[in-house]
């Protein structure tokens, strides 16, 4: 990467931003600083990096180089991803060097892949997705835009996960399942049948709770 391309501004200042800083630095980015979406004007540093200001920086041309939307909430992350795209900002995928991503997988813009993740051949990861620590996405599975696959979640082959869905920590999805948009699969749940959109499921096997 050229020097300018190595610069990264992180949008968000919560716990997930700290994880992104770690991975970004390990992959050769220089973190310029962070944008606090609830900025109060106070001086602050996170892991040695300055908080540059609030959301207005996106509209004022105060952001240069690449950006990463480090926000865990799917809908909030989608909003800021779309704003960044509208402003013409570059949104690279950040892949921790301790992740294993097949060269035959497709990774979208703004994706974050944390340590211990495995993405197998033929998998397609949509834009602005979080694949968190130790998650597994097996062959030919498609993860829709703005999803969050939590730590230790295991998704078998040829699964379809709709946009904005959240697969909770330690959850498992058997092969060939279709999960609709904006679904939440609770922590430790085992999904063995298709799940319609805008549904929350939990348990072993996972059943609908709303």
N, C-alpha and C. Protein backbone atom coordinates (compact mmCIF):
# COMPACT_ATOMS: atom_id res chain seq x y z
N UNK A 1 0.84 -1.20 0.00
CA UNK A 1 0.00 0.00 0.00
C UNK A 1 0.87 1.25 0.00
N UNK A 2 0.44 2.30 -0.70
CA UNK A 2 1.09 3.60 -0.65
C UNK A 2 0.86 4.21 0.72
N UNK A 3 1.68 5.24 1.06
CA UNK A 3 1.59 5.82 2.40
C UNK A 3 0.19 6.31 2.72
N UNK A 4 -0.44 7.04 1.78
CA UNK A 4 -1.78 7.57 2.03
C UNK A 4 -2.79 6.45 2.23
N UNK A 5 -2.58 5.34 1.52
CA UNK A 5 -3.51 4.22 1.64
C UNK A 5 -3.36 3.47 2.96
N UNK A 6 -2.24 3.70 3.64
CA UNK A 6 -2.01 3.05 4.92
C UNK A 6 -2.68 3.79 6.08
N UNK A 7 -3.22 4.96 5.82
CA UNK A 7 -3.86 5.72 6.88
C UNK A 7 -5.30 5.26 7.05
N UNK A 8 -5.72 5.09 8.32
CA UNK A 8 -7.06 4.60 8.62
C UNK A 8 -7.66 5.43 9.74
N UNK A 9 -8.88 5.88 9.51
CA UNK A 9 -9.66 6.53 10.56
C UNK A 9 -10.78 5.59 10.97
N UNK A 10 -10.95 5.42 12.26
CA UNK A 10 -11.95 4.50 12.78
C UNK A 10 -13.15 5.29 13.26
N UNK A 11 -14.31 4.92 12.75
CA UNK A 11 -15.56 5.57 13.15
C UNK A 11 -16.21 4.72 14.23
N UNK A 12 -16.28 5.28 15.43
CA UNK A 12 -16.75 4.56 16.61
C UNK A 12 -15.65 4.50 17.64
N UNK A 13 -16.03 4.52 18.92
CA UNK A 13 -15.03 4.55 19.99
C UNK A 13 -15.33 3.53 21.09
N UNK A 14 -16.20 2.57 20.83
CA UNK A 14 -16.54 1.57 21.83
C UNK A 14 -15.53 0.43 21.86
N UNK A 15 -15.93 -0.66 22.52
CA UNK A 15 -15.04 -1.80 22.64
C UNK A 15 -14.61 -2.37 21.32
N UNK A 16 -15.52 -2.40 20.35
CA UNK A 16 -15.17 -2.97 19.04
C UNK A 16 -14.08 -2.15 18.36
N UNK A 17 -14.07 -0.84 18.59
CA UNK A 17 -13.03 0.01 17.99
C UNK A 17 -11.64 -0.41 18.46
N UNK A 18 -11.54 -0.83 19.69
CA UNK A 18 -10.24 -1.26 20.23
C UNK A 18 -9.76 -2.53 19.51
N UNK A 19 -10.69 -3.43 19.23
CA UNK A 19 -10.34 -4.65 18.50
C UNK A 19 -9.89 -4.32 17.08
N UNK A 20 -10.58 -3.38 16.46
CA UNK A 20 -10.22 -2.97 15.10
C UNK A 20 -8.83 -2.34 15.07
N UNK A 21 -8.52 -1.51 16.06
CA UNK A 21 -7.19 -0.89 16.12
C UNK A 21 -6.11 -1.96 16.11
N UNK A 22 -6.27 -2.96 16.96
CA UNK A 22 -5.29 -4.05 17.03
C UNK A 22 -5.07 -4.69 15.66
N UNK A 23 -6.17 -5.10 15.03
CA UNK A 23 -6.06 -5.80 13.75
C UNK A 23 -5.49 -4.89 12.67
N UNK A 24 -5.94 -3.63 12.65
CA UNK A 24 -5.48 -2.70 11.61
C UNK A 24 -3.99 -2.47 11.70
N UNK A 25 -3.49 -2.29 12.89
CA UNK A 25 -2.06 -2.04 13.05
C UNK A 25 -1.24 -3.28 12.66
N UNK A 26 -1.76 -4.45 12.96
CA UNK A 26 -1.06 -5.68 12.59
C UNK A 26 -1.02 -5.90 11.07
N UNK A 27 -1.94 -5.27 10.36
CA UNK A 27 -1.98 -5.41 8.90
C UNK A 27 -1.34 -4.22 8.18
N UNK A 28 -0.65 -3.36 8.93
CA UNK A 28 0.13 -2.30 8.30
C UNK A 28 -0.53 -0.95 8.19
N UNK A 29 -1.71 -0.77 8.77
CA UNK A 29 -2.34 0.54 8.75
C UNK A 29 -1.78 1.44 9.85
N UNK A 30 -1.74 2.72 9.57
CA UNK A 30 -1.45 3.72 10.59
C UNK A 30 -2.77 4.37 10.98
N UNK A 31 -3.18 4.17 12.21
CA UNK A 31 -4.46 4.70 12.67
C UNK A 31 -4.30 6.18 12.98
N UNK A 32 -4.98 7.02 12.20
CA UNK A 32 -4.91 8.48 12.40
C UNK A 32 -5.64 8.91 13.65
N UNK A 33 -6.73 8.22 13.94
CA UNK A 33 -7.55 8.58 15.08
C UNK A 33 -8.95 8.02 14.92
N UNK A 34 -9.83 8.45 15.82
CA UNK A 34 -11.18 7.91 15.86
C UNK A 34 -12.21 9.02 15.83
N UNK A 35 -13.38 8.69 15.32
CA UNK A 35 -14.53 9.59 15.33
C UNK A 35 -15.52 9.07 16.36
N UNK A 36 -15.84 9.92 17.34
CA UNK A 36 -16.78 9.56 18.40
C UNK A 36 -18.18 9.97 17.97
N UNK A 37 -19.07 8.99 17.81
CA UNK A 37 -20.42 9.30 17.34
C UNK A 37 -21.26 10.00 18.39
N UNK A 38 -20.77 10.04 19.64
CA UNK A 38 -21.44 10.79 20.71
C UNK A 38 -20.46 11.80 21.30
N UNK A 39 -19.75 12.49 20.43
CA UNK A 39 -18.66 13.38 20.83
C UNK A 39 -19.16 14.53 21.70
N UNK A 40 -18.44 14.77 22.81
CA UNK A 40 -18.81 15.85 23.75
C UNK A 40 -17.80 17.00 23.73
N UNK A 41 -16.73 16.85 22.98
CA UNK A 41 -15.71 17.88 22.94
C UNK A 41 -14.54 17.63 23.86
N UNK A 42 -14.64 16.62 24.68
CA UNK A 42 -13.57 16.32 25.63
C UNK A 42 -12.38 15.68 24.90
N UNK A 43 -11.16 16.04 25.38
CA UNK A 43 -9.97 15.39 24.85
C UNK A 43 -9.94 13.93 25.30
N UNK A 44 -9.65 13.05 24.38
CA UNK A 44 -9.64 11.63 24.72
C UNK A 44 -8.70 10.89 23.78
N UNK A 45 -8.07 9.86 24.32
CA UNK A 45 -7.28 8.96 23.50
C UNK A 45 -7.72 7.53 23.78
N UNK A 46 -7.67 6.70 22.74
CA UNK A 46 -8.02 5.28 22.86
C UNK A 46 -6.86 4.47 22.32
N UNK A 47 -6.27 3.68 23.19
CA UNK A 47 -5.08 2.88 22.84
C UNK A 47 -4.01 3.75 22.20
N UNK A 48 -3.88 4.96 22.72
CA UNK A 48 -2.85 5.87 22.23
C UNK A 48 -3.21 6.67 21.01
N UNK A 49 -4.44 6.55 20.52
CA UNK A 49 -4.87 7.26 19.31
C UNK A 49 -5.90 8.31 19.67
N UNK A 50 -5.80 9.51 19.09
CA UNK A 50 -6.69 10.60 19.48
C UNK A 50 -8.11 10.45 18.94
N UNK A 51 -9.07 10.92 19.72
CA UNK A 51 -10.42 11.12 19.21
C UNK A 51 -10.41 12.44 18.46
N UNK A 52 -10.67 12.40 17.17
CA UNK A 52 -10.51 13.55 16.30
C UNK A 52 -11.69 14.52 16.37
N UNK A 53 -12.84 14.03 16.77
CA UNK A 53 -14.04 14.85 16.80
C UNK A 53 -15.27 13.99 16.63
N UNK A 54 -16.36 14.65 16.26
CA UNK A 54 -17.64 13.97 16.14
C UNK A 54 -18.03 13.68 14.69
N UNK A 55 -19.29 13.27 14.49
CA UNK A 55 -19.75 12.85 13.17
C UNK A 55 -19.63 13.91 12.08
N UNK A 56 -19.63 15.17 12.49
CA UNK A 56 -19.54 16.24 11.50
C UNK A 56 -18.28 16.20 10.65
N UNK A 57 -17.25 15.51 11.15
CA UNK A 57 -16.02 15.39 10.38
C UNK A 57 -16.26 14.72 9.03
N UNK A 58 -17.24 13.84 8.97
CA UNK A 58 -17.51 13.14 7.72
C UNK A 58 -18.01 14.09 6.65
N UNK A 59 -18.76 15.12 7.06
CA UNK A 59 -19.32 16.06 6.10
C UNK A 59 -18.37 17.23 5.81
N UNK A 60 -17.43 17.49 6.70
CA UNK A 60 -16.56 18.65 6.57
C UNK A 60 -15.25 18.34 5.86
N UNK A 61 -15.12 17.13 5.34
CA UNK A 61 -13.88 16.78 4.66
C UNK A 61 -12.72 16.57 5.60
N UNK A 62 -13.03 16.30 6.87
CA UNK A 62 -11.98 16.12 7.86
C UNK A 62 -11.40 14.73 7.91
N UNK A 63 -11.89 13.83 7.07
CA UNK A 63 -11.41 12.45 7.05
C UNK A 63 -10.67 12.20 5.74
N UNK A 64 -9.43 11.74 5.84
CA UNK A 64 -8.68 11.36 4.65
C UNK A 64 -8.23 9.91 4.79
N UNK A 65 -7.87 9.32 3.67
CA UNK A 65 -7.46 7.92 3.69
C UNK A 65 -8.65 7.00 3.85
N UNK A 66 -8.40 5.82 4.36
CA UNK A 66 -9.44 4.80 4.51
C UNK A 66 -10.18 4.99 5.83
N UNK A 67 -11.40 4.43 5.89
CA UNK A 67 -12.17 4.44 7.12
C UNK A 67 -12.69 3.03 7.41
N UNK A 68 -12.90 2.76 8.70
CA UNK A 68 -13.54 1.52 9.14
C UNK A 68 -14.65 1.89 10.11
N UNK A 69 -15.84 1.33 9.89
CA UNK A 69 -16.98 1.60 10.77
C UNK A 69 -16.94 0.58 11.91
N UNK A 70 -16.41 0.97 13.05
CA UNK A 70 -16.21 0.06 14.18
C UNK A 70 -17.36 0.20 15.17
N UNK A 71 -18.52 -0.25 14.74
CA UNK A 71 -19.75 -0.15 15.54
C UNK A 71 -20.42 -1.52 15.53
N UNK A 72 -20.71 -2.06 16.70
CA UNK A 72 -21.27 -3.40 16.77
C UNK A 72 -22.71 -3.51 16.32
N UNK A 73 -23.52 -2.48 16.59
CA UNK A 73 -24.94 -2.51 16.25
C UNK A 73 -25.11 -2.47 14.72
N UNK A 74 -25.79 -3.47 14.18
CA UNK A 74 -25.87 -3.59 12.72
C UNK A 74 -26.52 -2.40 12.04
N UNK A 75 -27.62 -1.92 12.59
CA UNK A 75 -28.35 -0.83 11.93
C UNK A 75 -27.57 0.48 12.02
N UNK A 76 -26.95 0.73 13.14
CA UNK A 76 -26.13 1.94 13.27
C UNK A 76 -24.93 1.86 12.34
N UNK A 77 -24.32 0.68 12.28
CA UNK A 77 -23.18 0.50 11.39
C UNK A 77 -23.58 0.70 9.93
N UNK A 78 -24.77 0.20 9.55
CA UNK A 78 -25.25 0.41 8.18
C UNK A 78 -25.40 1.89 7.87
N UNK A 79 -25.97 2.65 8.80
CA UNK A 79 -26.18 4.08 8.58
C UNK A 79 -24.87 4.79 8.29
N UNK A 80 -23.85 4.50 9.08
CA UNK A 80 -22.57 5.19 8.90
C UNK A 80 -21.81 4.66 7.70
N UNK A 81 -21.97 3.40 7.39
CA UNK A 81 -21.38 2.86 6.17
C UNK A 81 -21.96 3.57 4.95
N UNK A 82 -23.27 3.71 4.91
CA UNK A 82 -23.91 4.36 3.77
C UNK A 82 -23.49 5.82 3.66
N UNK A 83 -23.33 6.50 4.79
CA UNK A 83 -22.88 7.89 4.77
C UNK A 83 -21.45 7.98 4.24
N UNK A 84 -20.62 7.05 4.68
CA UNK A 84 -19.23 7.06 4.21
C UNK A 84 -19.15 6.80 2.71
N UNK A 85 -19.95 5.86 2.23
CA UNK A 85 -19.99 5.58 0.79
C UNK A 85 -20.44 6.81 0.02
N UNK A 86 -21.45 7.48 0.53
CA UNK A 86 -21.97 8.69 -0.13
C UNK A 86 -20.90 9.77 -0.22
N UNK A 87 -20.03 9.82 0.78
CA UNK A 87 -18.96 10.82 0.79
C UNK A 87 -17.75 10.38 -0.03
N UNK A 88 -17.83 9.19 -0.64
CA UNK A 88 -16.75 8.72 -1.48
C UNK A 88 -15.55 8.20 -0.73
N UNK A 89 -15.74 7.81 0.52
CA UNK A 89 -14.63 7.33 1.33
C UNK A 89 -14.28 5.89 0.98
N UNK A 90 -13.02 5.54 1.18
CA UNK A 90 -12.56 4.19 0.90
C UNK A 90 -12.78 3.32 2.13
N UNK A 91 -13.41 2.16 1.93
CA UNK A 91 -13.77 1.27 3.03
C UNK A 91 -13.17 -0.11 2.77
N UNK A 92 -11.89 -0.29 3.10
CA UNK A 92 -11.25 -1.59 2.84
C UNK A 92 -11.73 -2.64 3.84
N UNK A 93 -11.57 -3.88 3.47
CA UNK A 93 -11.75 -4.97 4.43
C UNK A 93 -10.51 -5.02 5.32
N UNK A 94 -10.73 -5.18 6.62
CA UNK A 94 -9.64 -5.34 7.58
C UNK A 94 -9.65 -6.79 8.02
N UNK A 95 -8.58 -7.52 7.70
CA UNK A 95 -8.51 -8.95 8.00
C UNK A 95 -7.32 -9.19 8.92
N UNK A 96 -7.61 -9.63 10.13
CA UNK A 96 -6.56 -9.92 11.11
C UNK A 96 -5.62 -10.98 10.53
N UNK A 97 -4.31 -10.83 10.71
CA UNK A 97 -3.38 -11.82 10.14
C UNK A 97 -3.53 -13.22 10.73
N UNK A 98 -4.22 -13.34 11.87
CA UNK A 98 -4.45 -14.66 12.45
C UNK A 98 -5.76 -15.27 11.99
N UNK A 99 -6.42 -14.65 11.02
CA UNK A 99 -7.61 -15.25 10.39
C UNK A 99 -7.17 -16.09 9.19
N UNK A 100 -8.02 -17.05 8.81
CA UNK A 100 -7.76 -17.88 7.64
C UNK A 100 -8.91 -17.66 6.66
N UNK A 101 -8.62 -17.00 5.57
CA UNK A 101 -9.64 -16.67 4.56
C UNK A 101 -9.21 -17.28 3.23
N UNK A 102 -10.03 -18.17 2.71
CA UNK A 102 -9.71 -18.82 1.44
C UNK A 102 -9.57 -17.79 0.33
N UNK A 103 -8.60 -18.04 -0.55
CA UNK A 103 -8.45 -17.17 -1.72
C UNK A 103 -9.62 -17.33 -2.67
N UNK A 104 -10.45 -18.33 -2.45
CA UNK A 104 -11.63 -18.55 -3.27
C UNK A 104 -12.90 -18.03 -2.61
N UNK A 105 -12.75 -17.27 -1.53
CA UNK A 105 -13.88 -16.59 -0.89
C UNK A 105 -13.93 -15.14 -1.37
N UNK A 106 -15.11 -14.53 -1.30
CA UNK A 106 -15.28 -13.13 -1.69
C UNK A 106 -15.61 -12.31 -0.46
N UNK A 107 -14.89 -11.21 -0.27
CA UNK A 107 -15.05 -10.36 0.91
C UNK A 107 -15.44 -8.96 0.45
N UNK A 108 -16.53 -8.43 0.99
CA UNK A 108 -17.04 -7.14 0.56
C UNK A 108 -16.32 -5.96 1.18
N UNK A 109 -16.79 -4.76 0.84
CA UNK A 109 -16.20 -3.52 1.35
C UNK A 109 -16.52 -3.36 2.84
N UNK A 110 -15.55 -2.82 3.57
CA UNK A 110 -15.78 -2.47 4.97
C UNK A 110 -15.93 -3.65 5.90
N UNK A 111 -15.59 -4.85 5.47
CA UNK A 111 -15.71 -6.03 6.31
C UNK A 111 -14.58 -6.05 7.34
N UNK A 112 -14.91 -6.52 8.55
CA UNK A 112 -13.89 -6.73 9.57
C UNK A 112 -13.84 -8.21 9.92
N UNK A 113 -12.65 -8.81 9.79
CA UNK A 113 -12.44 -10.22 10.08
C UNK A 113 -11.42 -10.33 11.21
N UNK A 114 -11.84 -10.82 12.36
CA UNK A 114 -10.98 -10.83 13.53
C UNK A 114 -10.16 -12.12 13.62
N UNK A 115 -9.28 -12.17 14.61
CA UNK A 115 -8.38 -13.30 14.81
C UNK A 115 -9.16 -14.60 15.00
N UNK A 116 -8.63 -15.67 14.42
CA UNK A 116 -9.21 -16.99 14.60
C UNK A 116 -10.37 -17.31 13.69
N UNK A 117 -10.80 -16.37 12.90
CA UNK A 117 -11.91 -16.61 11.96
C UNK A 117 -11.43 -17.53 10.84
N UNK A 118 -12.35 -18.40 10.38
CA UNK A 118 -12.10 -19.23 9.21
C UNK A 118 -13.22 -18.97 8.20
N UNK A 119 -12.83 -18.60 6.99
CA UNK A 119 -13.78 -18.41 5.90
C UNK A 119 -13.34 -19.35 4.78
N UNK A 120 -14.19 -20.31 4.45
CA UNK A 120 -13.79 -21.35 3.52
C UNK A 120 -14.18 -21.06 2.07
N UNK A 121 -13.73 -21.92 1.17
CA UNK A 121 -13.84 -21.70 -0.27
C UNK A 121 -15.30 -21.51 -0.70
N UNK A 122 -15.49 -20.52 -1.57
CA UNK A 122 -16.80 -20.26 -2.13
C UNK A 122 -17.71 -19.42 -1.25
N UNK A 123 -17.27 -19.10 -0.05
CA UNK A 123 -18.08 -18.24 0.82
C UNK A 123 -18.11 -16.81 0.25
N UNK A 124 -19.21 -16.13 0.47
CA UNK A 124 -19.37 -14.74 0.04
C UNK A 124 -19.77 -13.92 1.27
N UNK A 125 -18.96 -12.95 1.60
CA UNK A 125 -19.20 -12.08 2.75
C UNK A 125 -19.58 -10.70 2.22
N UNK A 126 -20.80 -10.26 2.52
CA UNK A 126 -21.29 -8.98 2.00
C UNK A 126 -20.60 -7.79 2.62
N UNK A 127 -21.00 -6.60 2.20
CA UNK A 127 -20.39 -5.37 2.68
C UNK A 127 -20.67 -5.15 4.17
N UNK A 128 -19.67 -4.55 4.85
CA UNK A 128 -19.85 -4.01 6.20
C UNK A 128 -20.22 -5.08 7.23
N UNK A 129 -19.71 -6.28 7.02
CA UNK A 129 -19.98 -7.41 7.92
C UNK A 129 -18.88 -7.49 8.98
N UNK A 130 -19.24 -7.89 10.19
CA UNK A 130 -18.27 -8.23 11.23
C UNK A 130 -18.24 -9.75 11.37
N UNK A 131 -17.06 -10.34 11.18
CA UNK A 131 -16.82 -11.73 11.52
C UNK A 131 -15.93 -11.71 12.75
N UNK A 132 -16.50 -11.96 13.89
CA UNK A 132 -15.79 -11.74 15.14
C UNK A 132 -14.95 -12.95 15.54
N UNK A 133 -14.21 -12.81 16.63
CA UNK A 133 -13.16 -13.75 17.03
C UNK A 133 -13.60 -15.21 16.93
N UNK A 134 -12.86 -16.00 16.16
CA UNK A 134 -13.07 -17.44 16.11
C UNK A 134 -14.31 -17.91 15.39
N UNK A 135 -15.01 -17.04 14.69
CA UNK A 135 -16.20 -17.47 13.93
C UNK A 135 -15.78 -18.31 12.73
N UNK A 136 -16.66 -19.24 12.33
CA UNK A 136 -16.40 -20.10 11.18
C UNK A 136 -17.53 -19.92 10.16
N UNK A 137 -17.15 -19.64 8.92
CA UNK A 137 -18.10 -19.54 7.81
C UNK A 137 -17.64 -20.56 6.78
N UNK A 138 -18.43 -21.62 6.60
CA UNK A 138 -17.96 -22.72 5.77
C UNK A 138 -18.30 -22.49 4.29
N UNK A 139 -17.96 -23.49 3.49
CA UNK A 139 -17.97 -23.38 2.04
C UNK A 139 -19.32 -22.93 1.47
N UNK A 140 -19.26 -21.99 0.54
CA UNK A 140 -20.41 -21.54 -0.27
C UNK A 140 -21.52 -20.88 0.54
N UNK A 141 -21.22 -20.53 1.78
CA UNK A 141 -22.20 -19.79 2.58
C UNK A 141 -22.16 -18.32 2.18
N UNK A 142 -23.32 -17.68 2.19
CA UNK A 142 -23.44 -16.26 1.84
C UNK A 142 -23.92 -15.49 3.08
N UNK A 143 -23.14 -14.53 3.50
CA UNK A 143 -23.49 -13.65 4.61
C UNK A 143 -23.88 -12.30 4.03
N UNK A 144 -25.11 -11.86 4.29
CA UNK A 144 -25.61 -10.61 3.73
C UNK A 144 -24.96 -9.38 4.33
N UNK A 145 -25.19 -8.24 3.68
CA UNK A 145 -24.61 -6.97 4.12
C UNK A 145 -24.99 -6.65 5.57
N UNK A 146 -24.06 -6.03 6.28
CA UNK A 146 -24.29 -5.44 7.61
C UNK A 146 -24.60 -6.48 8.69
N UNK A 147 -24.22 -7.73 8.47
CA UNK A 147 -24.42 -8.75 9.51
C UNK A 147 -23.29 -8.70 10.53
N UNK A 148 -23.55 -9.32 11.68
CA UNK A 148 -22.52 -9.50 12.72
C UNK A 148 -22.56 -10.96 13.12
N UNK A 149 -21.46 -11.65 12.86
CA UNK A 149 -21.30 -13.04 13.27
C UNK A 149 -20.41 -13.02 14.50
N UNK A 150 -20.97 -13.34 15.66
CA UNK A 150 -20.32 -13.11 16.95
C UNK A 150 -19.22 -14.14 17.21
N UNK A 151 -18.40 -13.90 18.24
CA UNK A 151 -17.29 -14.82 18.54
C UNK A 151 -17.75 -16.27 18.70
N UNK A 152 -17.00 -17.15 18.06
CA UNK A 152 -17.24 -18.58 18.21
C UNK A 152 -18.45 -19.12 17.50
N UNK A 153 -19.17 -18.30 16.75
CA UNK A 153 -20.32 -18.81 15.99
C UNK A 153 -19.82 -19.68 14.85
N UNK A 154 -20.58 -20.73 14.53
CA UNK A 154 -20.18 -21.68 13.49
C UNK A 154 -21.31 -21.83 12.49
N UNK A 155 -21.03 -21.46 11.25
CA UNK A 155 -22.03 -21.51 10.19
C UNK A 155 -21.55 -22.52 9.16
N UNK A 156 -22.32 -23.57 8.95
CA UNK A 156 -21.93 -24.65 8.06
C UNK A 156 -22.08 -24.23 6.59
N UNK A 157 -21.85 -25.18 5.69
CA UNK A 157 -21.81 -24.88 4.27
C UNK A 157 -23.18 -24.59 3.66
N UNK A 158 -23.17 -23.77 2.62
CA UNK A 158 -24.34 -23.46 1.79
C UNK A 158 -25.50 -22.87 2.59
N UNK A 159 -25.15 -22.12 3.62
CA UNK A 159 -26.15 -21.37 4.41
C UNK A 159 -26.33 -20.00 3.77
N UNK A 160 -27.53 -19.43 3.90
CA UNK A 160 -27.80 -18.06 3.47
C UNK A 160 -28.24 -17.27 4.70
N UNK A 161 -27.52 -16.19 4.99
CA UNK A 161 -27.85 -15.33 6.13
C UNK A 161 -28.21 -13.96 5.58
N UNK A 162 -29.43 -13.52 5.85
CA UNK A 162 -29.91 -12.25 5.31
C UNK A 162 -29.25 -11.05 5.94
N UNK A 163 -29.34 -9.92 5.24
CA UNK A 163 -28.73 -8.68 5.68
C UNK A 163 -29.21 -8.30 7.09
N UNK A 164 -28.32 -7.66 7.84
CA UNK A 164 -28.62 -7.10 9.17
C UNK A 164 -28.84 -8.16 10.24
N UNK A 165 -28.52 -9.42 9.95
CA UNK A 165 -28.74 -10.46 10.95
C UNK A 165 -27.57 -10.53 11.93
N UNK A 166 -27.88 -11.04 13.11
CA UNK A 166 -26.89 -11.21 14.17
C UNK A 166 -26.91 -12.66 14.62
N UNK A 167 -25.77 -13.33 14.47
CA UNK A 167 -25.64 -14.71 14.92
C UNK A 167 -24.80 -14.68 16.20
N UNK A 168 -25.43 -15.02 17.33
CA UNK A 168 -24.85 -14.78 18.64
C UNK A 168 -23.65 -15.65 18.96
N UNK A 169 -22.99 -15.32 20.04
CA UNK A 169 -21.76 -15.98 20.45
C UNK A 169 -22.00 -17.47 20.66
N UNK A 170 -21.15 -18.27 20.02
CA UNK A 170 -21.24 -19.71 20.16
C UNK A 170 -22.41 -20.37 19.48
N UNK A 171 -23.19 -19.64 18.69
CA UNK A 171 -24.33 -20.24 17.99
C UNK A 171 -23.83 -21.11 16.84
N UNK A 172 -24.67 -22.10 16.46
CA UNK A 172 -24.35 -22.98 15.34
C UNK A 172 -25.51 -23.00 14.36
N UNK A 173 -25.18 -23.06 13.08
CA UNK A 173 -26.18 -23.14 12.02
C UNK A 173 -25.81 -24.32 11.14
N UNK A 174 -26.72 -25.30 11.00
CA UNK A 174 -26.39 -26.47 10.20
C UNK A 174 -26.44 -26.14 8.72
N UNK A 175 -25.92 -27.05 7.91
CA UNK A 175 -25.75 -26.79 6.48
C UNK A 175 -27.08 -26.60 5.77
N UNK A 176 -27.05 -25.73 4.77
CA UNK A 176 -28.18 -25.54 3.87
C UNK A 176 -29.32 -24.69 4.40
N UNK A 177 -29.18 -24.12 5.58
CA UNK A 177 -30.25 -23.32 6.18
C UNK A 177 -30.32 -21.94 5.53
N UNK A 178 -31.53 -21.40 5.44
CA UNK A 178 -31.74 -20.02 5.01
C UNK A 178 -32.25 -19.20 6.18
N UNK A 179 -31.54 -18.13 6.50
CA UNK A 179 -31.90 -17.22 7.58
C UNK A 179 -32.27 -15.89 6.93
N UNK A 180 -33.43 -15.37 7.26
CA UNK A 180 -33.90 -14.13 6.65
C UNK A 180 -33.18 -12.90 7.13
N UNK A 181 -33.64 -11.75 6.68
CA UNK A 181 -33.03 -10.48 7.08
C UNK A 181 -33.40 -10.12 8.51
N UNK A 182 -32.47 -9.42 9.16
CA UNK A 182 -32.69 -8.87 10.50
C UNK A 182 -33.10 -9.93 11.51
N UNK A 183 -32.49 -11.10 11.41
CA UNK A 183 -32.73 -12.19 12.37
C UNK A 183 -31.68 -12.11 13.47
N UNK A 184 -32.10 -12.44 14.70
CA UNK A 184 -31.16 -12.63 15.80
C UNK A 184 -31.21 -14.08 16.23
N UNK A 185 -30.04 -14.74 16.22
CA UNK A 185 -29.92 -16.10 16.76
C UNK A 185 -29.17 -15.98 18.07
N UNK A 186 -29.82 -16.36 19.16
CA UNK A 186 -29.26 -16.15 20.49
C UNK A 186 -27.98 -16.92 20.74
N UNK A 187 -27.25 -16.50 21.76
CA UNK A 187 -25.99 -17.13 22.13
C UNK A 187 -26.20 -18.62 22.38
N UNK A 188 -25.33 -19.44 21.81
CA UNK A 188 -25.38 -20.87 22.04
C UNK A 188 -26.51 -21.61 21.35
N UNK A 189 -27.31 -20.93 20.55
CA UNK A 189 -28.44 -21.58 19.88
C UNK A 189 -27.94 -22.49 18.76
N UNK A 190 -28.77 -23.47 18.42
CA UNK A 190 -28.45 -24.39 17.33
C UNK A 190 -29.60 -24.31 16.32
N UNK A 191 -29.32 -23.72 15.17
CA UNK A 191 -30.35 -23.46 14.16
C UNK A 191 -30.38 -24.64 13.20
N UNK A 192 -31.51 -25.37 13.20
CA UNK A 192 -31.62 -26.57 12.36
C UNK A 192 -32.75 -26.47 11.35
N UNK A 193 -33.42 -25.32 11.30
CA UNK A 193 -34.46 -25.12 10.28
C UNK A 193 -34.41 -23.67 9.83
N UNK A 194 -35.02 -23.39 8.66
CA UNK A 194 -35.03 -22.03 8.12
C UNK A 194 -35.68 -21.07 9.10
N UNK A 195 -35.21 -19.81 9.07
CA UNK A 195 -35.72 -18.78 9.98
C UNK A 195 -36.21 -17.60 9.15
N UNK A 196 -37.49 -17.20 9.29
CA UNK A 196 -37.99 -16.05 8.53
C UNK A 196 -37.38 -14.75 9.05
N UNK A 197 -37.43 -13.73 8.23
CA UNK A 197 -36.87 -12.43 8.60
C UNK A 197 -37.53 -11.81 9.80
N UNK A 198 -36.78 -10.89 10.44
CA UNK A 198 -37.28 -10.12 11.59
C UNK A 198 -37.75 -11.02 12.72
N UNK A 199 -36.98 -12.07 12.98
CA UNK A 199 -37.33 -13.06 13.99
C UNK A 199 -36.15 -13.24 14.94
N UNK A 200 -36.44 -13.53 16.20
CA UNK A 200 -35.40 -13.92 17.16
C UNK A 200 -35.60 -15.38 17.52
N UNK A 201 -34.52 -16.15 17.44
CA UNK A 201 -34.57 -17.56 17.81
C UNK A 201 -33.50 -17.84 18.85
N UNK A 202 -33.77 -18.85 19.69
CA UNK A 202 -32.81 -19.23 20.72
C UNK A 202 -33.08 -20.66 21.15
N UNK A 203 -32.08 -21.28 21.77
CA UNK A 203 -32.25 -22.61 22.33
C UNK A 203 -31.63 -23.70 21.48
N UNK A 204 -31.75 -24.93 21.98
CA UNK A 204 -31.20 -26.12 21.32
C UNK A 204 -32.28 -27.19 21.24
N UNK A 205 -32.87 -27.42 20.05
CA UNK A 205 -32.67 -26.63 18.83
C UNK A 205 -33.34 -25.27 18.96
N UNK A 206 -32.95 -24.35 18.12
CA UNK A 206 -33.45 -22.98 18.22
C UNK A 206 -34.92 -22.90 17.87
N UNK A 207 -35.67 -22.24 18.71
CA UNK A 207 -37.09 -21.99 18.47
C UNK A 207 -37.37 -20.50 18.48
N UNK A 208 -38.46 -20.11 17.86
CA UNK A 208 -38.82 -18.69 17.76
C UNK A 208 -39.25 -18.17 19.11
N UNK A 209 -38.72 -17.01 19.50
CA UNK A 209 -39.19 -16.36 20.73
C UNK A 209 -39.90 -15.05 20.45
N UNK A 210 -39.81 -14.56 19.24
CA UNK A 210 -40.65 -13.44 18.82
C UNK A 210 -40.47 -13.22 17.32
